[in-house]
């Protein structure tokens, strides 16, 4: 795995009132380096056979790929939706100093396993 392929961005949507608590849970466990909270996005989606619409927060999360499963588990534990959105996209390129900062800011528990 190349240096750049080891990082990713996650998108999580949540009710606005719990976005900060999800971010704090992820940061406290050092599963992520940074969470940007976009406080109000309109989400439209299919749910139980109907088109629904909600005002939500969008969490933009920077982390390492080897922490993805732990991020998913933490979001599910701290989220009130039965099927929370947690999706990842690889970071294909970026400021090397920023990517190193992601390493320094996240847990080292899994770094030795790579």
C-alpha atoms as a PDB file:
ATOM      1  CA  UNK A   1       0.000   0.000   0.000  1.00  0.00           C
ATOM      2  CA  UNK A   2       1.439   3.360  -0.960  1.00  0.00           C
ATOM      3  CA  UNK A   3       1.715   6.133   1.606  1.00  0.00           C
ATOM      4  CA  UNK A   4      -1.250   7.986   0.122  1.00  0.00           C
ATOM      5  CA  UNK A   5      -3.499   4.916  -0.128  1.00  0.00           C
ATOM      6  CA  UNK A   6      -3.545   4.508   3.644  1.00  0.00           C
ATOM      7  CA  UNK A   7      -5.778   7.541   4.314  1.00  0.00           C
ATOM      8  CA  UNK A   8      -9.458   8.145   3.703  1.00  0.00           C
ATOM      9  CA  UNK A   9     -12.325  10.551   4.209  1.00  0.00           C
ATOM     10  CA  UNK A  10     -15.617   9.366   5.678  1.00  0.00           C
ATOM     11  CA  UNK A  11     -18.999  10.985   5.264  1.00  0.00           C
ATOM     12  CA  UNK A  12     -21.570  10.566   8.014  1.00  0.00           C
ATOM     13  CA  UNK A  13     -24.954  12.252   8.192  1.00  0.00           C
ATOM     14  CA  UNK A  14     -26.794  12.655  11.477  1.00  0.00           C
ATOM     15  CA  UNK A  15     -29.413  14.719  13.210  1.00  0.00           C
ATOM     16  CA  UNK A  16     -27.866  18.124  13.863  1.00  0.00           C
ATOM     17  CA  UNK A  17     -28.307  17.773  17.643  1.00  0.00           C
ATOM     18  CA  UNK A  18     -26.025  14.701  17.897  1.00  0.00           C
ATOM     19  CA  UNK A  19     -23.337  15.548  15.314  1.00  0.00           C
ATOM     20  CA  UNK A  20     -20.964  17.029  17.870  1.00  0.00           C
ATOM     21  CA  UNK A  21     -21.305  14.077  20.246  1.00  0.00           C
ATOM     22  CA  UNK A  22     -20.472  11.656  17.415  1.00  0.00           C
ATOM     23  CA  UNK A  23     -17.425  13.771  16.503  1.00  0.00           C
ATOM     24  CA  UNK A  24     -16.252  13.887  20.123  1.00  0.00           C
ATOM     25  CA  UNK A  25     -16.621  10.107  20.506  1.00  0.00           C
ATOM     26  CA  UNK A  26     -14.485   9.520  17.405  1.00  0.00           C
ATOM     27  CA  UNK A  27     -11.860  12.057  18.498  1.00  0.00           C
ATOM     28  CA  UNK A  28     -11.743  10.846  22.115  1.00  0.00           C
ATOM     29  CA  UNK A  29     -10.959   7.321  20.921  1.00  0.00           C
ATOM     30  CA  UNK A  30      -8.332   8.727  18.510  1.00  0.00           C
ATOM     31  CA  UNK A  31     -10.036   6.987  15.609  1.00  0.00           C
ATOM     32  CA  UNK A  32      -9.962  10.176  13.536  1.00  0.00           C
ATOM     33  CA  UNK A  33      -7.701  13.193  13.205  1.00  0.00           C
ATOM     34  CA  UNK A  34     -10.353  15.743  12.281  1.00  0.00           C
ATOM     35  CA  UNK A  35     -14.107  16.072  11.879  1.00  0.00           C
ATOM     36  CA  UNK A  36     -15.665  18.975   9.980  1.00  0.00           C
ATOM     37  CA  UNK A  37     -19.334  19.453  10.810  1.00  0.00           C
ATOM     38  CA  UNK A  38     -21.452  21.059   8.112  1.00  0.00           C
ATOM     39  CA  UNK A  39     -24.410  22.023  10.285  1.00  0.00           C
ATOM     40  CA  UNK A  40     -27.282  21.936   7.839  1.00  0.00           C
ATOM     41  CA  UNK A  41     -27.666  19.867   4.705  1.00  0.00           C
ATOM     42  CA  UNK A  42     -30.912  18.680   3.191  1.00  0.00           C
ATOM     43  CA  UNK A  43     -30.933  14.930   2.668  1.00  0.00           C
ATOM     44  CA  UNK A  44     -33.485  13.234   0.436  1.00  0.00           C
ATOM     45  CA  UNK A  45     -33.629   9.440   0.422  1.00  0.00           C
ATOM     46  CA  UNK A  46     -35.756   6.332   0.111  1.00  0.00           C
ATOM     47  CA  UNK A  47     -36.928   4.862   3.426  1.00  0.00           C
ATOM     48  CA  UNK A  48     -39.561   2.170   3.892  1.00  0.00           C
ATOM     49  CA  UNK A  49     -40.995   2.672   0.420  1.00  0.00           C
ATOM     50  CA  UNK A  50     -41.264   6.460   0.573  1.00  0.00           C
ATOM     51  CA  UNK A  51     -39.132   9.412  -0.438  1.00  0.00           C
ATOM     52  CA  UNK A  52     -38.151  11.238   2.748  1.00  0.00           C
ATOM     53  CA  UNK A  53     -36.441  14.568   3.387  1.00  0.00           C
ATOM     54  CA  UNK A  54     -34.596  15.751   6.499  1.00  0.00           C
ATOM     55  CA  UNK A  55     -32.332  18.568   7.631  1.00  0.00           C
ATOM     56  CA  UNK A  56     -29.153  16.900   8.874  1.00  0.00           C
ATOM     57  CA  UNK A  57     -25.544  17.613   9.727  1.00  0.00           C
ATOM     58  CA  UNK A  58     -22.780  16.262   7.500  1.00  0.00           C
ATOM     59  CA  UNK A  59     -19.638  15.053   9.247  1.00  0.00           C
ATOM     60  CA  UNK A  60     -16.536  15.024   7.026  1.00  0.00           C
ATOM     61  CA  UNK A  61     -14.006  12.797   8.761  1.00  0.00           C
ATOM     62  CA  UNK A  62     -10.279  12.345   8.076  1.00  0.00           C
ATOM     63  CA  UNK A  63      -8.716   9.083   9.231  1.00  0.00           C
ATOM     64  CA  UNK A  64      -6.632   6.056   8.243  1.00  0.00           C
ATOM     65  CA  UNK A  65      -8.016   3.176   6.206  1.00  0.00           C
ATOM     66  CA  UNK A  66      -6.984   0.649   8.851  1.00  0.00           C
ATOM     67  CA  UNK A  67      -9.361   2.361  11.315  1.00  0.00           C
ATOM     68  CA  UNK A  68     -12.442   2.199   9.069  1.00  0.00           C
ATOM     69  CA  UNK A  69     -14.186  -0.668  10.865  1.00  0.00           C
ATOM     70  CA  UNK A  70     -13.626   0.956  14.261  1.00  0.00           C
ATOM     71  CA  UNK A  71     -15.011   4.248  12.920  1.00  0.00           C
ATOM     72  CA  UNK A  72     -18.128   2.441  11.654  1.00  0.00           C
ATOM     73  CA  UNK A  73     -18.634   0.733  15.020  1.00  0.00           C
ATOM     74  CA  UNK A  74     -18.218   3.997  16.939  1.00  0.00           C
ATOM     75  CA  UNK A  75     -20.674   5.851  14.701  1.00  0.00           C
ATOM     76  CA  UNK A  76     -23.273   3.075  15.023  1.00  0.00           C
ATOM     77  CA  UNK A  77     -22.873   3.060  18.817  1.00  0.00           C
ATOM     78  CA  UNK A  78     -23.331   6.845  19.071  1.00  0.00           C
ATOM     79  CA  UNK A  79     -25.955   7.343  16.343  1.00  0.00           C
ATOM     80  CA  UNK A  80     -29.718   7.176  16.713  1.00  0.00           C
ATOM     81  CA  UNK A  81     -30.515   5.951  13.180  1.00  0.00           C
ATOM     82  CA  UNK A  82     -31.010   2.218  12.654  1.00  0.00           C
ATOM     83  CA  UNK A  83     -28.981   2.472   9.408  1.00  0.00           C
ATOM     84  CA  UNK A  84     -26.558   5.398   9.726  1.00  0.00           C
ATOM     85  CA  UNK A  85     -24.663   6.545   6.648  1.00  0.00           C
ATOM     86  CA  UNK A  86     -20.953   5.831   7.016  1.00  0.00           C
ATOM     87  CA  UNK A  87     -19.119   5.801   3.686  1.00  0.00           C
ATOM     88  CA  UNK A  88     -15.410   6.103   2.892  1.00  0.00           C
ATOM     89  CA  UNK A  89     -13.392   7.486  -0.009  1.00  0.00           C
ATOM     90  CA  UNK A  90      -9.664   6.988  -0.424  1.00  0.00           C
ATOM     91  CA  UNK A  91      -7.369   9.999  -0.340  1.00  0.00           C
ATOM     92  CA  UNK A  92      -5.320   9.606  -3.520  1.00  0.00           C
ATOM     93  CA  UNK A  93      -3.122  12.656  -2.983  1.00  0.00           C
ATOM     94  CA  UNK A  94      -2.549  15.310  -0.361  1.00  0.00           C
ATOM     95  CA  UNK A  95      -0.203  17.533   1.598  1.00  0.00           C
ATOM     96  CA  UNK A  96       2.359  15.108   3.037  1.00  0.00           C
ATOM     97  CA  UNK A  97       2.616  17.084   6.280  1.00  0.00           C
ATOM     98  CA  UNK A  98      -1.174  16.885   6.729  1.00  0.00           C
ATOM     99  CA  UNK A  99      -1.182  13.139   6.071  1.00  0.00           C
ATOM    100  CA  UNK A 100       1.615  12.633   8.608  1.00  0.00           C
ATOM    101  CA  UNK A 101      -0.457  14.676  11.063  1.00  0.00           C
ATOM    102  CA  UNK A 102      -3.336  12.200  10.563  1.00  0.00           C
ATOM    103  CA  UNK A 103      -0.937   9.427  11.664  1.00  0.00           C
ATOM    104  CA  UNK A 104       0.227  11.426  14.669  1.00  0.00           C
ATOM    105  CA  UNK A 105      -3.333  12.287  15.713  1.00  0.00           C
ATOM    106  CA  UNK A 106      -4.862   8.815  15.522  1.00  0.00           C
ATOM    107  CA  UNK A 107      -4.368   5.699  17.593  1.00  0.00           C
ATOM    108  CA  UNK A 108      -1.182   3.741  17.077  1.00  0.00           C
ATOM    109  CA  UNK A 109      -2.799   0.432  18.054  1.00  0.00           C
ATOM    110  CA  UNK A 110      -3.161  -0.722  14.444  1.00  0.00           C
ATOM    111  CA  UNK A 111      -0.106   0.974  12.901  1.00  0.00           C
ATOM    112  CA  UNK A 112       2.164  -1.867  14.013  1.00  0.00           C
ATOM    113  CA  UNK A 113      -0.109  -4.386  12.265  1.00  0.00           C
ATOM    114  CA  UNK A 114       0.564  -2.959   8.780  1.00  0.00           C
END
